[in-house]
Each structure stands twice: as structure tokens, then as C-alpha cells.
Amino acid sequence: MFADRLRLLDASPVPLVLVPGDNDWTDCHRAGAGRHDPLERLDRLRALFHAGDRSLGNRSLRLTRQSAEERFFAYRENTRWVTSGVVFVTLNVPGSNNNLGRNPEMDAEHAERMRANFEWLDEAVKRSEAPEIRGLAVFAHADPRFRRGPPRIDGYARFRAVLQTHAGWLRKPLLYAFTATGTATASTSLCATRRPGARSPPSRASKASARPN
């Protein structure tokens, strides 16, 4: 199925960047999905859809991948590019509670992946602070529950805190776009105010993400 979807997406007339979602890997352990190993599915997804340094599509787009940094070599799906003065960044943050709370192996995967996500987002925000950049657009699959009460085990608590911390310091538009609504793409514009003249603290995302879930 992945190979068929790759051919379909690669035929796009415009550049196309795939953002992994829960149906692509985290939910593949379910009986109705074939009882696959989610981590094997994620590795296969990375190998097929995130090879090379260009997007899918007939007119591909050059991408910067987080995997270019050796310590994050596995995270090929986290990408970044700049178009029309806007920094675009993709993160692997899927639905199904962000792969947290099912078993210890998946909890460990969640922790490692979110560490990479926080580092990648932090880098995108730093690049967005350049005077020629007008804003930052963040794309991921999951609805991190900005408007809904969290479950007992919340796989998005730290992610929400990091996004809100960045929005509070960037002083430029920050858009979070996601697709885990079951019907269409949704987005949330994040913004906050900081004191005039206040300086941005170092490692904002690292501090915000250090709190336990």
C-alpha cells in the first residue's frame, strides 16, 4: 500500500511534503490495520516517503531535513523550508495520544521523538527571528487539544507548552496546522505578548519541555 500511495503522491503537480499521521504508523498495531509493528511501519514510511533532500511531486521543493544532524539521523520526516518570507516546518506528532500510554516500548519512542521535535522546532523559531522572515508555519498531524480537556495520560501536554512558549517570544505570526480532525485541515494561530525590550531566553523549548507530562 505504501508503494501505491508513493506513486500517487509523487504525481502531484505541485510540491508535496508528507506529514506522518496515526493511520500511517501508530495505529498499525490494531487488528483492523493488520497488527503490524508501528516502529517497522515508521521506518518504512521514512525510507519511502522521505528519501533524499527534495519533496514529492512533479515540481519538487528542496528541503532541509533534521536527519542532516547526526544525532537526529533517524528523523527524516522532520523538514524545513522557506517560501515568500515564511519558515515552514514539519514535525512527527501523530494522533492517538502521540503514541504515549500504550506500552513501555512506545512510551520510549514517544520520549525520543518528542526530544527531536522540540529541538527541530526550536531551530525553526530561531530562524524565524531573522528580520527578513515574516512568520512561522508549523505542520503536524495531531490536534494537541488546545480547546479540549486532556485525558489522564496526555501525550501533548509538553508540546502545547512548547508551542505557547515560542508564540510568546517570537513576536511574529505563528500558525499551527494539523489534520487529525477526521474531515479537513484545521489550524490554530498562536500569539502572545512580551514586555517591550524583553530578551528571548536561551533554549526556550528545552525549558518548556523539561516538565513531566
N, C-alpha and C. Protein backbone atom coordinates (compact mmCIF):
# COMPACT_ATOMS: atom_id res chain seq x y z
N MET A 1 0.82 -1.21 0.00
CA MET A 1 0.00 0.00 0.00
C MET A 1 0.85 1.26 0.00
N PHE A 2 1.96 1.25 0.79
CA PHE A 2 2.83 2.42 0.82
C PHE A 2 3.35 2.75 -0.58
N ALA A 3 3.75 1.72 -1.33
CA ALA A 3 4.29 1.95 -2.67
C ALA A 3 3.24 2.58 -3.58
N ASP A 4 2.01 2.12 -3.49
CA ASP A 4 0.94 2.70 -4.29
C ASP A 4 0.70 4.15 -3.92
N ARG A 5 0.70 4.45 -2.62
CA ARG A 5 0.49 5.83 -2.18
C ARG A 5 1.66 6.72 -2.59
N LEU A 6 2.86 6.17 -2.60
CA LEU A 6 4.02 6.95 -3.03
C LEU A 6 3.88 7.36 -4.49
N ARG A 7 3.48 6.45 -5.33
CA ARG A 7 3.29 6.79 -6.75
C ARG A 7 2.22 7.85 -6.92
N LEU A 8 1.14 7.73 -6.16
CA LEU A 8 0.06 8.70 -6.25
C LEU A 8 0.52 10.10 -5.81
N LEU A 9 1.18 10.17 -4.66
CA LEU A 9 1.60 11.46 -4.13
C LEU A 9 2.71 12.09 -4.96
N ASP A 10 3.59 11.26 -5.48
CA ASP A 10 4.71 11.78 -6.27
C ASP A 10 4.25 12.32 -7.62
N ALA A 11 3.03 12.02 -8.01
CA ALA A 11 2.47 12.55 -9.26
C ALA A 11 1.83 13.92 -9.06
N SER A 12 1.88 14.45 -7.85
CA SER A 12 1.28 15.76 -7.59
C SER A 12 1.90 16.82 -8.51
N PRO A 13 1.08 17.71 -9.08
CA PRO A 13 1.62 18.75 -9.96
C PRO A 13 2.34 19.85 -9.20
N VAL A 14 2.20 19.89 -7.87
CA VAL A 14 2.87 20.89 -7.04
C VAL A 14 3.71 20.17 -6.00
N PRO A 15 4.69 20.83 -5.40
CA PRO A 15 5.49 20.18 -4.36
C PRO A 15 4.62 19.66 -3.24
N LEU A 16 4.94 18.46 -2.75
CA LEU A 16 4.13 17.82 -1.71
C LEU A 16 5.05 17.26 -0.63
N VAL A 17 4.77 17.61 0.61
CA VAL A 17 5.54 17.12 1.76
C VAL A 17 4.59 16.32 2.64
N LEU A 18 4.89 15.06 2.86
CA LEU A 18 4.04 14.19 3.67
C LEU A 18 4.35 14.36 5.14
N VAL A 19 3.31 14.62 5.94
CA VAL A 19 3.43 14.68 7.40
C VAL A 19 2.86 13.39 7.97
N PRO A 20 3.64 12.58 8.67
CA PRO A 20 3.13 11.29 9.17
C PRO A 20 1.97 11.45 10.14
N GLY A 21 0.98 10.56 10.02
CA GLY A 21 -0.17 10.57 10.91
C GLY A 21 -0.37 9.23 11.58
N ASP A 22 -1.36 9.15 12.45
CA ASP A 22 -1.55 7.92 13.22
C ASP A 22 -1.93 6.73 12.34
N ASN A 23 -2.69 6.95 11.28
CA ASN A 23 -3.05 5.83 10.40
C ASN A 23 -1.86 5.31 9.61
N ASP A 24 -0.79 6.11 9.54
CA ASP A 24 0.42 5.70 8.82
C ASP A 24 1.29 4.77 9.63
N TRP A 25 1.26 4.91 10.97
CA TRP A 25 2.16 4.06 11.75
C TRP A 25 1.68 3.77 13.18
N THR A 26 1.26 4.75 13.96
CA THR A 26 0.97 4.46 15.37
C THR A 26 -0.20 3.49 15.54
N ASP A 27 -1.18 3.53 14.65
CA ASP A 27 -2.36 2.68 14.78
C ASP A 27 -2.25 1.35 14.07
N CYS A 28 -1.10 1.07 13.47
CA CYS A 28 -0.97 -0.15 12.66
C CYS A 28 -0.94 -1.43 13.49
N HIS A 29 -0.86 -1.30 14.82
CA HIS A 29 -0.90 -2.50 15.67
C HIS A 29 -2.31 -3.05 15.81
N ARG A 30 -3.31 -2.29 15.44
CA ARG A 30 -4.69 -2.70 15.63
C ARG A 30 -5.06 -3.84 14.68
N ALA A 31 -6.02 -4.65 15.11
CA ALA A 31 -6.42 -5.81 14.31
C ALA A 31 -6.90 -5.40 12.93
N GLY A 32 -7.69 -4.33 12.86
CA GLY A 32 -8.22 -3.89 11.58
C GLY A 32 -7.17 -3.31 10.65
N ALA A 33 -5.99 -3.02 11.20
CA ALA A 33 -4.90 -2.46 10.39
C ALA A 33 -3.82 -3.49 10.09
N GLY A 34 -4.06 -4.75 10.46
CA GLY A 34 -3.12 -5.81 10.12
C GLY A 34 -2.17 -6.23 11.22
N ARG A 35 -2.29 -5.63 12.42
CA ARG A 35 -1.40 -5.96 13.54
C ARG A 35 0.08 -5.83 13.19
N HIS A 36 0.42 -4.77 12.52
CA HIS A 36 1.82 -4.50 12.18
C HIS A 36 2.55 -3.88 13.38
N ASP A 37 3.86 -3.93 13.34
CA ASP A 37 4.69 -3.26 14.32
C ASP A 37 4.75 -1.78 13.94
N PRO A 38 4.27 -0.86 14.78
CA PRO A 38 4.29 0.56 14.43
C PRO A 38 5.68 1.09 14.11
N LEU A 39 6.69 0.62 14.81
CA LEU A 39 8.04 1.12 14.55
C LEU A 39 8.57 0.64 13.21
N GLU A 40 8.22 -0.57 12.81
CA GLU A 40 8.59 -1.06 11.47
C GLU A 40 7.89 -0.23 10.40
N ARG A 41 6.62 0.10 10.64
CA ARG A 41 5.87 0.93 9.68
C ARG A 41 6.47 2.33 9.58
N LEU A 42 6.91 2.89 10.70
CA LEU A 42 7.52 4.22 10.67
C LEU A 42 8.84 4.19 9.90
N ASP A 43 9.66 3.16 10.12
CA ASP A 43 10.91 3.04 9.38
C ASP A 43 10.64 2.93 7.88
N ARG A 44 9.63 2.15 7.50
CA ARG A 44 9.29 2.00 6.09
C ARG A 44 8.79 3.31 5.50
N LEU A 45 8.00 4.02 6.25
CA LEU A 45 7.49 5.32 5.82
C LEU A 45 8.64 6.29 5.56
N ARG A 46 9.60 6.31 6.46
CA ARG A 46 10.76 7.19 6.30
C ARG A 46 11.57 6.84 5.06
N ALA A 47 11.77 5.55 4.84
CA ALA A 47 12.57 5.11 3.70
C ALA A 47 11.91 5.44 2.37
N LEU A 48 10.60 5.32 2.29
CA LEU A 48 9.90 5.53 1.02
C LEU A 48 9.58 7.00 0.76
N PHE A 49 9.00 7.67 1.73
CA PHE A 49 8.43 9.00 1.50
C PHE A 49 9.38 10.14 1.86
N HIS A 50 10.49 9.82 2.53
CA HIS A 50 11.37 10.88 3.00
C HIS A 50 12.83 10.62 2.61
N ALA A 51 13.01 10.06 1.44
CA ALA A 51 14.36 9.83 0.92
C ALA A 51 14.86 11.09 0.22
N GLY A 52 16.15 11.31 0.24
CA GLY A 52 16.72 12.45 -0.47
C GLY A 52 16.42 13.78 0.20
N ASP A 53 16.76 14.86 -0.49
CA ASP A 53 16.60 16.20 0.09
C ASP A 53 15.57 17.02 -0.67
N ARG A 54 14.64 16.34 -1.36
CA ARG A 54 13.59 17.05 -2.07
C ARG A 54 12.22 16.49 -1.71
N SER A 55 11.20 17.31 -1.88
CA SER A 55 9.84 16.89 -1.61
C SER A 55 9.35 15.93 -2.68
N LEU A 56 8.16 15.42 -2.51
CA LEU A 56 7.49 14.68 -3.56
C LEU A 56 6.87 15.67 -4.55
N GLY A 57 6.39 15.13 -5.68
CA GLY A 57 5.72 15.99 -6.66
C GLY A 57 6.53 16.17 -7.93
N ASN A 58 5.82 16.48 -9.01
CA ASN A 58 6.47 16.72 -10.30
C ASN A 58 7.39 17.92 -10.25
N ARG A 59 7.02 18.92 -9.50
CA ARG A 59 7.88 20.09 -9.26
C ARG A 59 8.30 20.05 -7.81
N SER A 60 9.39 19.37 -7.54
CA SER A 60 9.79 19.14 -6.15
C SER A 60 10.42 20.39 -5.55
N LEU A 61 10.44 20.39 -4.23
CA LEU A 61 10.96 21.50 -3.45
C LEU A 61 12.16 21.02 -2.64
N ARG A 62 13.22 21.82 -2.63
CA ARG A 62 14.39 21.43 -1.82
C ARG A 62 14.07 21.61 -0.34
N LEU A 63 14.38 20.59 0.45
CA LEU A 63 14.07 20.58 1.87
C LEU A 63 15.35 20.48 2.70
N THR A 64 15.28 21.00 3.90
CA THR A 64 16.29 20.73 4.92
C THR A 64 15.69 19.71 5.86
N ARG A 65 16.38 18.61 6.09
CA ARG A 65 15.87 17.54 6.96
C ARG A 65 16.64 17.52 8.27
N GLN A 66 15.95 17.22 9.34
CA GLN A 66 16.61 17.12 10.64
C GLN A 66 17.64 16.01 10.64
N SER A 67 17.46 15.02 9.80
CA SER A 67 18.39 13.89 9.75
C SER A 67 19.78 14.31 9.29
N ALA A 68 19.94 15.54 8.76
CA ALA A 68 21.27 16.01 8.39
C ALA A 68 22.16 16.16 9.61
N GLU A 69 21.56 16.30 10.79
CA GLU A 69 22.32 16.34 12.03
C GLU A 69 22.47 14.93 12.56
N GLU A 70 23.68 14.50 12.81
CA GLU A 70 23.96 13.09 13.10
C GLU A 70 23.15 12.54 14.27
N ARG A 71 22.97 13.31 15.32
CA ARG A 71 22.26 12.77 16.49
C ARG A 71 20.77 12.59 16.23
N PHE A 72 20.27 13.17 15.14
CA PHE A 72 18.87 13.01 14.78
C PHE A 72 18.72 12.36 13.41
N PHE A 73 19.66 11.48 13.08
CA PHE A 73 19.69 10.92 11.72
C PHE A 73 18.42 10.14 11.38
N ALA A 74 17.70 9.62 12.38
CA ALA A 74 16.51 8.82 12.10
C ALA A 74 15.31 9.66 11.68
N TYR A 75 15.33 10.96 12.01
CA TYR A 75 14.11 11.76 11.87
C TYR A 75 14.05 12.49 10.54
N ARG A 76 14.02 11.70 9.47
CA ARG A 76 14.00 12.26 8.13
C ARG A 76 12.69 12.97 7.82
N GLU A 77 11.64 12.61 8.52
CA GLU A 77 10.32 13.20 8.26
C GLU A 77 10.19 14.63 8.77
N ASN A 78 11.08 15.08 9.63
CA ASN A 78 11.06 16.46 10.12
C ASN A 78 11.81 17.34 9.12
N THR A 79 11.08 18.23 8.47
CA THR A 79 11.65 19.02 7.39
C THR A 79 11.44 20.51 7.63
N ARG A 80 12.16 21.32 6.82
CA ARG A 80 12.02 22.77 6.90
C ARG A 80 12.34 23.38 5.54
N TRP A 81 11.63 24.44 5.19
CA TRP A 81 11.93 25.22 4.00
C TRP A 81 11.41 26.63 4.20
N VAL A 82 11.84 27.55 3.36
CA VAL A 82 11.42 28.94 3.43
C VAL A 82 10.83 29.34 2.09
N THR A 83 9.65 29.92 2.12
CA THR A 83 8.97 30.39 0.92
C THR A 83 8.28 31.71 1.22
N SER A 84 8.49 32.70 0.36
CA SER A 84 7.82 34.01 0.48
C SER A 84 7.99 34.62 1.86
N GLY A 85 9.16 34.46 2.43
CA GLY A 85 9.44 35.08 3.72
C GLY A 85 8.84 34.37 4.91
N VAL A 86 8.36 33.16 4.72
CA VAL A 86 7.77 32.38 5.82
C VAL A 86 8.57 31.09 6.00
N VAL A 87 8.90 30.76 7.23
CA VAL A 87 9.55 29.49 7.55
C VAL A 87 8.46 28.43 7.74
N PHE A 88 8.58 27.34 7.01
CA PHE A 88 7.67 26.20 7.15
C PHE A 88 8.44 25.05 7.79
N VAL A 89 7.82 24.38 8.76
CA VAL A 89 8.48 23.26 9.43
C VAL A 89 7.46 22.15 9.66
N THR A 90 7.88 20.91 9.45
CA THR A 90 7.02 19.76 9.72
C THR A 90 7.57 18.96 10.89
N LEU A 91 6.66 18.40 11.69
CA LEU A 91 7.01 17.62 12.87
C LEU A 91 6.22 16.32 12.87
N ASN A 92 6.82 15.27 13.38
CA ASN A 92 6.13 13.99 13.51
C ASN A 92 5.43 13.94 14.87
N VAL A 93 4.23 14.50 14.90
CA VAL A 93 3.40 14.49 16.10
C VAL A 93 2.04 13.92 15.68
N PRO A 94 1.85 12.60 15.79
CA PRO A 94 0.62 11.97 15.30
C PRO A 94 -0.51 12.00 16.31
N GLY A 95 -1.69 11.61 15.84
CA GLY A 95 -2.83 11.42 16.72
C GLY A 95 -2.63 10.20 17.60
N SER A 96 -3.74 9.67 18.13
CA SER A 96 -3.67 8.52 19.05
C SER A 96 -2.77 8.81 20.23
N ASN A 97 -2.97 10.00 20.82
CA ASN A 97 -2.25 10.43 22.03
C ASN A 97 -0.75 10.48 21.83
N ASN A 98 -0.33 10.71 20.57
CA ASN A 98 1.11 10.90 20.30
C ASN A 98 1.93 9.67 20.66
N ASN A 99 1.29 8.49 20.52
CA ASN A 99 1.96 7.21 20.79
C ASN A 99 2.42 7.07 22.24
N LEU A 100 1.69 7.69 23.16
CA LEU A 100 2.02 7.61 24.58
C LEU A 100 0.92 6.85 25.33
N GLY A 101 1.34 5.96 26.24
CA GLY A 101 0.39 5.32 27.14
C GLY A 101 -0.05 3.94 26.71
N ARG A 102 0.56 3.35 25.66
CA ARG A 102 0.14 2.02 25.23
C ARG A 102 1.01 0.93 25.84
N ASN A 103 2.32 1.11 25.79
CA ASN A 103 3.24 0.16 26.43
C ASN A 103 4.59 0.85 26.61
N PRO A 104 5.50 0.27 27.40
CA PRO A 104 6.78 0.93 27.66
C PRO A 104 7.61 1.19 26.40
N GLU A 105 7.57 0.29 25.43
CA GLU A 105 8.34 0.49 24.21
C GLU A 105 7.86 1.72 23.46
N MET A 106 6.54 1.87 23.34
CA MET A 106 6.00 3.03 22.64
C MET A 106 6.22 4.32 23.44
N ASP A 107 6.17 4.22 24.77
CA ASP A 107 6.44 5.40 25.59
C ASP A 107 7.88 5.89 25.38
N ALA A 108 8.82 4.95 25.25
CA ALA A 108 10.21 5.32 25.00
C ALA A 108 10.34 5.97 23.63
N GLU A 109 9.64 5.43 22.64
CA GLU A 109 9.66 6.04 21.30
C GLU A 109 9.13 7.45 21.36
N HIS A 110 8.03 7.64 22.06
CA HIS A 110 7.42 8.96 22.22
C HIS A 110 8.43 9.96 22.79
N ALA A 111 9.11 9.57 23.85
CA ALA A 111 10.06 10.47 24.51
C ALA A 111 11.20 10.86 23.58
N GLU A 112 11.77 9.90 22.87
CA GLU A 112 12.88 10.19 21.98
C GLU A 112 12.44 11.06 20.81
N ARG A 113 11.30 10.75 20.23
CA ARG A 113 10.80 11.51 19.08
C ARG A 113 10.46 12.95 19.47
N MET A 114 9.83 13.12 20.63
CA MET A 114 9.48 14.47 21.04
C MET A 114 10.72 15.29 21.40
N ARG A 115 11.75 14.65 21.88
CA ARG A 115 13.00 15.37 22.10
C ARG A 115 13.53 15.92 20.78
N ALA A 116 13.47 15.11 19.74
CA ALA A 116 13.89 15.57 18.41
C ALA A 116 12.96 16.67 17.91
N ASN A 117 11.66 16.50 18.09
CA ASN A 117 10.71 17.51 17.65
C ASN A 117 10.97 18.86 18.31
N PHE A 118 11.22 18.85 19.61
CA PHE A 118 11.45 20.11 20.32
C PHE A 118 12.71 20.81 19.80
N GLU A 119 13.74 20.05 19.55
CA GLU A 119 14.98 20.63 19.02
C GLU A 119 14.73 21.23 17.63
N TRP A 120 13.98 20.52 16.80
CA TRP A 120 13.73 20.98 15.44
C TRP A 120 12.84 22.23 15.43
N LEU A 121 11.86 22.26 16.28
CA LEU A 121 11.00 23.43 16.39
C LEU A 121 11.78 24.62 16.92
N ASP A 122 12.62 24.39 17.89
CA ASP A 122 13.44 25.46 18.45
C ASP A 122 14.32 26.08 17.36
N GLU A 123 14.90 25.24 16.51
CA GLU A 123 15.74 25.74 15.41
C GLU A 123 14.91 26.56 14.43
N ALA A 124 13.70 26.12 14.13
CA ALA A 124 12.82 26.85 13.21
C ALA A 124 12.45 28.22 13.77
N VAL A 125 12.19 28.29 15.07
CA VAL A 125 11.86 29.57 15.69
C VAL A 125 13.05 30.51 15.63
N LYS A 126 14.23 30.01 15.90
CA LYS A 126 15.42 30.85 15.83
C LYS A 126 15.60 31.43 14.43
N ARG A 127 15.38 30.62 13.41
CA ARG A 127 15.49 31.11 12.03
C ARG A 127 14.39 32.10 11.71
N SER A 128 13.24 31.95 12.35
CA SER A 128 12.12 32.86 12.10
C SER A 128 12.35 34.24 12.70
N GLU A 129 13.31 34.36 13.60
CA GLU A 129 13.60 35.65 14.22
C GLU A 129 14.39 36.57 13.30
N ALA A 130 14.87 36.07 12.18
CA ALA A 130 15.60 36.90 11.22
C ALA A 130 14.69 38.01 10.70
N PRO A 131 15.23 39.21 10.48
CA PRO A 131 14.38 40.35 10.11
C PRO A 131 13.64 40.16 8.79
N GLU A 132 14.17 39.37 7.88
CA GLU A 132 13.50 39.17 6.59
C GLU A 132 12.37 38.14 6.65
N ILE A 133 12.23 37.46 7.78
CA ILE A 133 11.19 36.43 7.92
C ILE A 133 9.92 37.05 8.51
N ARG A 134 8.78 36.74 7.90
CA ARG A 134 7.51 37.34 8.31
C ARG A 134 6.73 36.48 9.31
N GLY A 135 7.02 35.17 9.37
CA GLY A 135 6.28 34.33 10.29
C GLY A 135 6.71 32.89 10.19
N LEU A 136 6.08 32.05 11.00
CA LEU A 136 6.42 30.63 11.08
C LEU A 136 5.14 29.81 10.96
N ALA A 137 5.17 28.78 10.11
CA ALA A 137 4.06 27.85 9.96
C ALA A 137 4.54 26.46 10.35
N VAL A 138 3.86 25.85 11.32
CA VAL A 138 4.22 24.54 11.84
C VAL A 138 3.14 23.54 11.42
N PHE A 139 3.56 22.43 10.79
CA PHE A 139 2.63 21.42 10.33
C PHE A 139 2.89 20.10 11.06
N ALA A 140 1.82 19.50 11.58
CA ALA A 140 1.88 18.17 12.18
C ALA A 140 0.51 17.53 12.02
N HIS A 141 0.40 16.26 12.37
CA HIS A 141 -0.87 15.58 12.20
C HIS A 141 -1.85 15.84 13.34
N ALA A 142 -1.35 15.91 14.56
CA ALA A 142 -2.23 15.84 15.73
C ALA A 142 -2.88 17.16 16.09
N ASP A 143 -4.11 17.05 16.58
CA ASP A 143 -4.76 18.13 17.32
C ASP A 143 -4.25 18.02 18.76
N PRO A 144 -3.46 18.98 19.23
CA PRO A 144 -2.89 18.84 20.58
C PRO A 144 -3.84 19.24 21.70
N ARG A 145 -5.11 19.37 21.38
CA ARG A 145 -6.15 19.62 22.39
C ARG A 145 -6.03 20.99 23.05
N PHE A 146 -5.88 22.02 22.23
CA PHE A 146 -5.89 23.37 22.79
C PHE A 146 -7.24 23.71 23.40
N ARG A 147 -8.31 23.16 22.83
CA ARG A 147 -9.65 23.55 23.25
C ARG A 147 -10.41 22.42 23.95
N ARG A 148 -9.79 21.30 24.17
CA ARG A 148 -10.46 20.18 24.82
C ARG A 148 -9.68 19.77 26.05
N GLY A 149 -10.38 19.26 27.04
CA GLY A 149 -9.70 18.79 28.24
C GLY A 149 -8.81 17.60 27.94
N PRO A 150 -7.62 17.54 28.53
CA PRO A 150 -6.69 16.43 28.28
C PRO A 150 -7.15 15.15 28.95
N PRO A 151 -6.75 14.00 28.42
CA PRO A 151 -7.03 12.73 29.09
C PRO A 151 -6.11 12.54 30.29
N ARG A 152 -6.29 11.44 30.99
CA ARG A 152 -5.47 11.19 32.17
C ARG A 152 -3.98 11.14 31.81
N ILE A 153 -3.65 10.45 30.73
CA ILE A 153 -2.28 10.45 30.20
C ILE A 153 -2.29 11.31 28.95
N ASP A 154 -1.68 12.48 29.03
CA ASP A 154 -1.76 13.47 27.96
C ASP A 154 -0.47 13.47 27.15
N GLY A 155 -0.55 12.95 25.92
CA GLY A 155 0.63 12.89 25.06
C GLY A 155 1.01 14.20 24.42
N TYR A 156 0.24 15.26 24.70
CA TYR A 156 0.51 16.56 24.05
C TYR A 156 0.78 17.68 25.05
N ALA A 157 0.84 17.40 26.33
CA ALA A 157 0.99 18.46 27.33
C ALA A 157 2.26 19.26 27.10
N ARG A 158 3.37 18.59 26.94
CA ARG A 158 4.65 19.30 26.75
C ARG A 158 4.67 20.02 25.41
N PHE A 159 4.07 19.41 24.40
CA PHE A 159 4.03 20.03 23.08
C PHE A 159 3.24 21.34 23.12
N ARG A 160 2.10 21.35 23.79
CA ARG A 160 1.33 22.59 23.93
C ARG A 160 2.15 23.67 24.63
N ALA A 161 2.83 23.28 25.68
CA ALA A 161 3.63 24.25 26.44
C ALA A 161 4.73 24.84 25.57
N VAL A 162 5.38 24.01 24.76
CA VAL A 162 6.46 24.48 23.90
C VAL A 162 5.92 25.45 22.85
N LEU A 163 4.82 25.08 22.20
CA LEU A 163 4.23 25.97 21.19
C LEU A 163 3.85 27.32 21.79
N GLN A 164 3.25 27.30 22.95
CA GLN A 164 2.82 28.54 23.57
C GLN A 164 4.01 29.37 24.03
N THR A 165 5.07 28.71 24.49
CA THR A 165 6.29 29.44 24.87
C THR A 165 6.89 30.14 23.66
N HIS A 166 7.01 29.43 22.55
CA HIS A 166 7.56 30.04 21.34
C HIS A 166 6.69 31.19 20.86
N ALA A 167 5.37 31.01 20.88
CA ALA A 167 4.48 32.08 20.42
C ALA A 167 4.63 33.33 21.27
N GLY A 168 4.93 33.12 22.55
CA GLY A 168 5.08 34.25 23.44
C GLY A 168 6.33 35.07 23.20
N TRP A 169 7.34 34.47 22.55
CA TRP A 169 8.60 35.17 22.36
C TRP A 169 8.90 35.57 20.92
N LEU A 170 8.21 34.99 19.98
CA LEU A 170 8.58 35.22 18.58
C LEU A 170 8.22 36.62 18.10
N ARG A 171 7.12 37.18 18.55
CA ARG A 171 6.65 38.50 18.13
C ARG A 171 6.38 38.55 16.63
N LYS A 172 6.04 37.40 16.06
CA LYS A 172 5.62 37.29 14.67
C LYS A 172 4.52 36.24 14.62
N PRO A 173 3.73 36.22 13.55
CA PRO A 173 2.69 35.19 13.47
C PRO A 173 3.27 33.78 13.53
N LEU A 174 2.62 32.92 14.32
CA LEU A 174 2.98 31.51 14.40
C LEU A 174 1.69 30.72 14.18
N LEU A 175 1.66 29.95 13.11
CA LEU A 175 0.48 29.17 12.75
C LEU A 175 0.77 27.69 12.97
N TYR A 176 -0.11 27.02 13.68
CA TYR A 176 -0.01 25.56 13.83
C TYR A 176 -1.14 24.93 13.02
N ALA A 177 -0.79 24.13 12.00
CA ALA A 177 -1.78 23.49 11.13
C ALA A 177 -1.73 21.99 11.35
N PHE A 178 -2.91 21.36 11.47
CA PHE A 178 -2.98 19.93 11.72
C PHE A 178 -4.14 19.32 10.95
N THR A 179 -4.17 17.98 10.89
CA THR A 179 -5.17 17.30 10.07
C THR A 179 -5.96 16.25 10.83
N ALA A 180 -5.74 16.08 12.10
CA ALA A 180 -6.37 14.99 12.85
C ALA A 180 -7.79 15.34 13.28
N THR A 181 -8.60 15.84 12.36
CA THR A 181 -9.98 16.17 12.68
C THR A 181 -10.96 15.17 12.08
N GLY A 182 -10.48 14.32 11.17
CA GLY A 182 -11.34 13.34 10.53
C GLY A 182 -12.06 13.88 9.32
N THR A 183 -12.03 15.20 9.13
CA THR A 183 -12.76 15.78 7.99
C THR A 183 -11.90 16.69 7.14
N ALA A 184 -11.14 17.58 7.77
CA ALA A 184 -10.40 18.56 6.98
C ALA A 184 -9.26 19.12 7.82
N THR A 185 -8.40 19.88 7.15
CA THR A 185 -7.30 20.51 7.84
C THR A 185 -7.82 21.63 8.74
N ALA A 186 -7.28 21.72 9.93
CA ALA A 186 -7.62 22.80 10.85
C ALA A 186 -6.34 23.51 11.23
N SER A 187 -6.47 24.70 11.78
CA SER A 187 -5.28 25.43 12.17
C SER A 187 -5.58 26.30 13.37
N THR A 188 -4.54 26.62 14.09
CA THR A 188 -4.63 27.50 15.25
C THR A 188 -3.54 28.53 15.16
N SER A 189 -3.91 29.81 15.23
CA SER A 189 -2.94 30.89 15.23
C SER A 189 -2.57 31.18 16.67
N LEU A 190 -1.30 31.07 16.99
CA LEU A 190 -0.84 31.28 18.35
C LEU A 190 -0.13 32.61 18.45
N CYS A 191 -0.43 33.37 19.46
CA CYS A 191 0.27 34.62 19.67
C CYS A 191 0.18 34.97 21.14
N ALA A 192 1.16 35.74 21.60
CA ALA A 192 1.16 36.23 22.97
C ALA A 192 2.00 37.49 23.00
N THR A 193 1.99 38.18 24.11
CA THR A 193 2.69 39.46 24.21
C THR A 193 3.81 39.36 25.22
N ARG A 194 4.94 39.92 24.89
CA ARG A 194 6.01 40.01 25.89
C ARG A 194 6.35 41.48 26.10
N ARG A 195 7.02 41.76 27.17
CA ARG A 195 7.31 43.15 27.52
C ARG A 195 8.22 43.79 26.49
N PRO A 196 8.01 45.06 26.16
CA PRO A 196 8.92 45.74 25.23
C PRO A 196 10.35 45.68 25.74
N GLY A 197 11.25 45.31 24.87
CA GLY A 197 12.65 45.23 25.24
C GLY A 197 13.07 43.95 25.90
N ALA A 198 12.10 43.07 26.20
CA ALA A 198 12.46 41.80 26.84
C ALA A 198 13.24 40.94 25.87
N ARG A 199 14.24 40.27 26.36
CA ARG A 199 15.08 39.42 25.52
C ARG A 199 14.61 37.98 25.59
N SER A 200 14.75 37.29 24.47
CA SER A 200 14.33 35.90 24.40
C SER A 200 15.29 35.03 25.21
N PRO A 201 14.78 34.17 26.10
CA PRO A 201 15.67 33.32 26.91
C PRO A 201 16.28 32.22 26.06
N PRO A 202 17.48 31.74 26.41
CA PRO A 202 18.09 30.64 25.65
C PRO A 202 17.33 29.35 25.85
N SER A 203 17.37 28.51 24.80
CA SER A 203 16.78 27.17 24.85
C SER A 203 15.35 27.20 25.38
N ARG A 204 14.53 28.04 24.77
CA ARG A 204 13.15 28.19 25.25
C ARG A 204 12.42 26.86 25.25
N ALA A 205 12.52 26.13 24.12
CA ALA A 205 11.76 24.88 24.02
C ALA A 205 12.27 23.86 25.03
N SER A 206 13.57 23.81 25.22
CA SER A 206 14.13 22.84 26.16
C SER A 206 13.60 23.09 27.56
N LYS A 207 13.50 24.35 27.96
CA LYS A 207 12.98 24.65 29.28
C LYS A 207 11.51 24.28 29.39
N ALA A 208 10.73 24.64 28.37
CA ALA A 208 9.30 24.37 28.41
C ALA A 208 9.01 22.89 28.39
N SER A 209 9.87 22.11 27.72
CA SER A 209 9.61 20.68 27.56
C SER A 209 10.19 19.85 28.68
N ALA A 210 10.89 20.49 29.61
CA ALA A 210 11.54 19.72 30.66
C ALA A 210 10.56 19.23 31.72
N ARG A 211 9.37 19.85 31.78
CA ARG A 211 8.41 19.44 32.77
C ARG A 211 7.83 18.07 32.42
N PRO A 212 7.54 17.22 33.41
CA PRO A 212 6.94 15.92 33.12
C PRO A 212 5.52 16.09 32.62
N ASN A 213 4.99 15.03 31.92
CA ASN A 213 3.62 15.07 31.44
C ASN A 213 2.65 15.06 32.61
